[in-house]
Protein backbone atom coordinates (compact mmCIF):
# COMPACT_ATOMS: atom_id res chain seq x y z
CA MET A 1 -0.11 0.37 -0.07
CA ALA A 2 2.58 2.60 1.09
CA LEU A 3 4.13 1.88 -2.91
CA VAL A 4 1.12 2.33 -4.48
CA VAL A 5 0.44 5.70 -2.15
CA ARG A 6 4.07 6.93 -2.74
CA ALA A 7 4.37 5.96 -6.83
CA PRO A 8 4.89 8.84 -8.96
CA TRP A 9 1.89 7.85 -11.26
CA GLY A 10 2.48 10.82 -13.46
CA ALA A 11 5.63 10.85 -14.63
CA MET A 12 5.00 6.40 -14.64
CA ARG A 13 5.55 6.14 -18.14
CA ALA A 14 8.78 8.26 -18.39
CA LEU A 15 10.37 6.25 -15.82
CA LEU A 16 9.66 2.78 -17.04
CA THR A 17 10.96 3.68 -20.53
CA GLY A 18 13.87 4.66 -19.87
CA HIS A 19 16.86 2.62 -21.71
CA GLU A 20 18.17 1.62 -18.45
CA VAL A 21 15.27 0.15 -16.99
CA LEU A 22 14.18 -1.33 -20.42
CA THR A 23 17.64 -3.22 -20.61
CA ALA A 24 17.38 -4.91 -17.10
CA LEU A 25 13.44 -5.66 -17.83
CA ARG A 26 14.61 -7.55 -20.70
CA LEU A 27 17.40 -8.94 -19.18
CA SER A 28 14.93 -10.07 -16.02
CA LEU A 29 12.64 -11.73 -18.32
CA GLU A 30 15.15 -13.30 -20.77
CA CYS A 31 16.69 -14.59 -17.41
CA ALA A 32 14.13 -15.66 -15.38
CA THR A 33 12.64 -17.47 -18.41
CA ALA A 34 16.13 -19.15 -19.21
CA ALA A 35 16.09 -20.50 -15.59
CA THR A 36 12.70 -21.89 -15.56
CA ALA A 37 14.05 -23.46 -18.39
CA VAL A 38 16.74 -25.29 -16.98
CA SER A 39 14.86 -25.92 -13.77
CA ILE A 40 12.16 -28.01 -15.23
CA VAL A 41 14.72 -30.07 -17.22
CA LEU A 42 16.31 -30.55 -13.92
CA GLY A 43 13.40 -30.40 -11.67
CA VAL A 44 10.98 -33.25 -13.07
CA PRO A 45 13.61 -35.59 -13.24
CA LEU A 46 14.64 -35.10 -9.33
CA ALA A 47 10.89 -34.65 -8.40
CA TRP A 48 10.03 -37.87 -10.01
CA VAL A 49 13.59 -39.79 -7.83
CA LEU A 50 11.91 -38.07 -4.83
CA ALA A 51 8.50 -39.15 -5.43
CA ARG A 52 8.55 -42.64 -6.40
CA VAL A 53 12.63 -43.92 -5.50
CA ARG A 54 12.60 -45.41 -2.23
CA LEU A 55 16.32 -45.84 -1.29
CA PRO A 56 18.37 -44.80 1.96
CA GLY A 57 19.83 -41.26 1.69
CA ILE A 58 16.04 -40.03 -0.48
CA GLY A 59 15.90 -37.52 2.77
CA LEU A 60 19.38 -36.31 2.35
CA LEU A 61 18.69 -35.62 -1.31
CA ARG A 62 15.39 -33.67 -0.49
CA ALA A 63 16.83 -31.69 1.77
CA ALA A 64 19.82 -30.64 -0.49
CA VAL A 65 17.16 -29.99 -3.48
CA THR A 66 14.76 -27.33 -1.11
CA LEU A 67 17.71 -26.30 0.85
CA PRO A 68 17.72 -22.82 -1.21
CA LEU A 69 14.05 -22.30 -0.30
CA VAL A 70 15.23 -21.71 3.56
CA LEU A 71 19.14 -21.04 2.66
CA PRO A 72 19.89 -17.10 2.43
CA PRO A 73 20.55 -16.22 -1.15
CA VAL A 74 23.84 -14.57 -0.36
CA VAL A 75 25.10 -17.68 1.17
CA GLY A 76 23.55 -19.42 -1.86
CA GLY A 77 25.66 -16.96 -3.89
CA LEU A 78 28.73 -17.22 -2.16
CA ALA A 79 28.22 -21.20 -2.40
CA LEU A 80 28.33 -21.06 -6.29
CA LEU A 81 30.79 -18.52 -6.43
CA LEU A 82 33.27 -21.08 -4.72
CA ALA A 83 32.12 -24.04 -6.58
CA LEU A 84 31.58 -22.55 -10.15
CA GLY A 85 34.07 -19.42 -9.88
CA ARG A 86 37.30 -19.18 -11.98
CA ASN A 87 39.49 -20.65 -9.00
CA GLY A 88 36.10 -22.91 -7.79
CA ILE A 89 36.01 -26.67 -7.25
CA VAL A 90 34.31 -26.76 -10.56
CA GLY A 91 35.00 -23.52 -11.97
CA GLN A 92 38.57 -23.93 -12.28
CA TYR A 93 38.34 -26.52 -14.73
CA LEU A 94 35.58 -24.97 -16.85
CA ASP A 95 38.07 -22.19 -16.99
CA ARG A 96 41.28 -23.84 -18.01
CA TRP A 97 39.72 -26.94 -19.95
CA LEU A 98 36.70 -24.97 -21.89
CA GLY A 99 37.74 -21.24 -21.74
CA VAL A 100 34.12 -21.08 -19.54
CA THR A 101 34.18 -18.19 -17.65
CA LEU A 102 30.64 -18.41 -15.44
CA PRO A 103 30.87 -15.30 -12.94
CA PHE A 104 29.56 -11.86 -13.21
CA THR A 105 28.05 -13.40 -16.72
CA THR A 106 24.46 -13.56 -17.97
CA PRO A 107 24.64 -16.99 -18.07
CA GLY A 108 25.68 -16.47 -14.23
CA VAL A 109 22.43 -14.74 -13.67
CA VAL A 110 20.80 -17.56 -14.87
CA ILE A 111 22.85 -20.16 -13.01
CA ALA A 112 21.77 -18.23 -9.82
CA GLU A 113 18.29 -17.58 -10.13
CA ALA A 114 17.80 -21.25 -11.57
CA PHE A 115 19.75 -22.22 -7.75
CA VAL A 116 16.84 -20.48 -6.10
CA ALA A 117 14.13 -20.92 -7.92
CA MET A 118 14.12 -24.58 -9.12
CA PRO A 119 13.01 -25.88 -5.67
CA PHE A 120 9.45 -24.05 -6.17
CA LEU A 121 8.96 -26.13 -9.17
CA VAL A 122 10.60 -29.60 -7.47
CA VAL A 123 7.86 -29.67 -4.26
CA THR A 124 5.17 -28.70 -6.93
CA VAL A 125 5.69 -31.48 -9.01
CA GLU A 126 6.86 -33.75 -6.22
CA GLY A 127 3.62 -33.44 -4.84
CA ALA A 128 1.43 -34.39 -7.71
CA LEU A 129 3.51 -37.17 -8.50
CA ARG A 130 2.67 -38.80 -4.96
CA SER A 131 -0.81 -37.68 -5.04
CA ALA A 132 -1.22 -39.46 -9.12
CA ASP A 133 -3.44 -42.46 -9.45
CA ARG A 134 -0.91 -45.12 -9.41
CA GLY A 135 -3.37 -47.49 -11.13
CA LEU A 136 -3.23 -45.54 -14.69
CA GLU A 137 0.32 -46.42 -14.63
CA GLU A 138 0.47 -49.60 -14.11
CA ALA A 139 -2.37 -50.37 -16.53
CA ALA A 140 -1.09 -48.87 -19.23
CA ALA A 141 1.96 -51.64 -18.20
CA THR A 142 0.44 -54.13 -18.38
CA LEU A 143 -0.41 -53.33 -22.07
CA GLY A 144 3.09 -53.03 -22.83
CA ALA A 145 3.77 -50.09 -22.85
CA SER A 146 7.35 -48.38 -21.89
CA ARG A 147 8.48 -46.75 -19.01
CA ILE A 148 9.25 -43.29 -21.32
CA THR A 149 5.26 -44.36 -22.86
CA ILE A 150 3.87 -44.35 -19.75
CA PHE A 151 5.44 -41.26 -18.40
CA ARG A 152 4.63 -39.03 -21.80
CA ARG A 153 1.32 -40.50 -22.19
CA VAL A 154 0.02 -41.15 -19.06
CA THR A 155 2.19 -39.45 -15.68
CA LEU A 156 2.78 -35.79 -17.28
CA PRO A 157 -0.95 -35.18 -18.66
CA LEU A 158 -1.71 -36.05 -14.15
CA ILE A 159 0.84 -33.69 -13.44
CA LEU A 160 0.82 -31.06 -16.21
CA PRO A 161 -1.60 -28.41 -14.36
CA SER A 162 1.15 -28.75 -11.27
CA LEU A 163 4.07 -28.46 -13.62
CA LEU A 164 2.57 -25.39 -14.83
CA ALA A 165 2.16 -24.10 -11.63
CA GLY A 166 5.50 -24.83 -10.66
CA ALA A 167 6.81 -23.60 -13.41
CA VAL A 168 4.81 -20.40 -13.07
CA LEU A 169 6.25 -19.98 -9.42
CA CYS A 170 9.44 -20.69 -10.13
CA TRP A 171 9.54 -18.10 -12.73
CA ALA A 172 8.50 -15.51 -10.42
CA ARG A 173 10.58 -16.43 -7.99
CA ALA A 174 13.68 -16.25 -10.62
CA LEU A 175 12.57 -13.03 -11.44
CA GLY A 176 12.63 -11.51 -8.28
CA GLU A 177 16.00 -12.85 -7.05
CA PHE A 178 18.72 -10.32 -6.23
CA GLY A 179 20.60 -12.10 -2.95
CA ALA A 180 22.42 -15.08 -5.31
CA THR A 181 22.57 -13.20 -8.49
CA LEU A 182 24.44 -9.84 -6.91
CA THR A 183 27.06 -12.63 -5.31
CA PHE A 184 27.61 -14.62 -8.40
CA ALA A 185 26.96 -12.40 -11.25
CA GLY A 186 27.53 -8.85 -10.29
CA ASN A 187 25.63 -5.72 -10.75
CA TYR A 188 26.46 -4.68 -14.53
CA PRO A 189 23.84 -3.00 -16.46
CA GLY A 190 23.30 -4.79 -19.72
CA THR A 191 24.63 -7.95 -18.94
CA THR A 192 23.94 -9.11 -15.28
CA GLN A 193 21.31 -5.86 -13.86
CA THR A 194 18.13 -7.70 -13.38
CA MET A 195 15.24 -5.81 -12.55
CA PRO A 196 15.73 -6.24 -8.73
CA LEU A 197 19.15 -5.02 -9.26
CA ALA A 198 18.05 -1.87 -10.77
CA VAL A 199 15.97 -1.08 -8.15
CA TYR A 200 18.60 -1.65 -5.57
CA ASN A 201 21.00 0.90 -7.69
CA ALA A 202 17.93 3.37 -8.21
CA ILE A 203 17.43 3.40 -4.01
CA GLN A 204 20.33 5.11 -3.69
CA THR A 205 20.36 7.64 -6.86
CA ASP A 206 16.06 8.10 -8.23
CA PRO A 207 14.19 6.92 -5.32
CA GLN A 208 11.08 8.01 -7.63
CA ALA A 209 12.63 4.95 -10.18
CA ALA A 210 12.78 2.17 -7.31
CA ILE A 211 9.19 2.96 -6.55
CA ALA A 212 8.41 2.42 -10.18
CA LEU A 213 10.82 -0.67 -10.75
CA SER A 214 9.34 -1.86 -7.17
CA LEU A 215 5.49 -1.45 -8.46
CA VAL A 216 6.42 -3.63 -11.87
CA LEU A 217 7.64 -6.63 -9.73
CA LEU A 218 4.87 -6.01 -7.11
CA THR A 219 2.19 -6.31 -9.79
CA VAL A 220 3.43 -9.60 -11.33
CA ALA A 221 3.77 -10.91 -8.12
CA VAL A 222 0.29 -10.27 -7.21
CA VAL A 223 -1.04 -11.14 -10.35
CA ILE A 224 0.80 -14.74 -10.33
CA LEU A 225 -0.09 -15.54 -6.62
CA VAL A 226 -3.91 -14.51 -7.32
CA ALA A 227 -4.18 -16.46 -10.29
CA LEU A 228 -2.82 -19.85 -8.76
CA ARG A 229 -4.96 -19.37 -5.63
CA GLU A 230 -8.11 -19.31 -7.71
CA ARG A 231 -6.80 -22.55 -9.23
CA TRP A 232 -6.24 -24.70 -6.15
CA LEU A 233 -9.26 -23.11 -5.09
CA ARG A 234 -11.13 -24.78 -8.16
CA GLY A 235 -10.18 -28.28 -7.08
CA GLY A 236 -6.08 -28.05 -7.47
CA LEU A 237 -4.97 -29.23 -4.16
CA GLY A 238 -7.78 -32.62 -4.31
CA SER A 239 -6.48 -33.04 -8.24
CA GLY A 240 -2.91 -33.65 -7.48
CA GLY A 241 -1.82 -29.42 -7.58
CA ALA A 242 -0.69 -29.25 -3.91
CA VAL A 243 2.54 -27.45 -3.35
C-alpha cells in the first residue's frame, strides 16, 4: 500500500521507458525464462526420484534439493562462486579446459536464479506425483507400454497442471531474485543487472524510479499468486496440484 500511495503516477511512463530500465526488464525476463527452462529440465526428474524412488539417502537428497528455500540467497551466491568461480571446485576446470567463465556473466545470472527458484518447481511436481493415480500407470504397463511411454502419455498429463503452476512460481521467484545474483553474477548494466538490482541502484540515486520498478515486480507477484490461488481453490489440491 505504501508503494501505491507514494508512486509517482504522473511520471510513471517516463520512468519505465528509460533505456536502463528497459534493458534491466528485458534481461530479467530473458534470464527468468531461461532459469525456468533449466529448472524444468533438471527439476522434473529430481521430483520423480523424490516421489517414486525408495532408497537410503533420499531424505538427504530432498533436503539438498529444497535447501535454497531456507538458505539466505547471499550464502547461496557465495557457494556458487566457490564452486563455479575461476578458482572454484568445478569452475577452475571449466575455465582451464573449456575456457568457460560463469561468474559476472549473463549465464551466471541464469544459474543463480535457477539455484534459488528450482525448489519451488520440484516441491510442486513432487506433490503432484505423490498424489497421482498409480493405477493408471500400472494399467498402461500391463498393456505393454514402456516406461518412457507411460511417463509421456499417462504421468505427464496427470501432473501437467501442477507442472505449469510450479513453473510459474519458479519463474516469479527467478524474476525477483537478488542476493544470489548480486553475489555470483554482480551488478553490471546490460549484462547482469536485473530488475531487483536496478531497484537497489535506483534507491540510492533516483527513489522515484525505484518505486516505479518495485511496483512492476509487485504487480507481477500479486497477479501470479492470485491466479494460482484461484486454481487451487477450484480443486487443484484435490487433483494433485498441491505444493
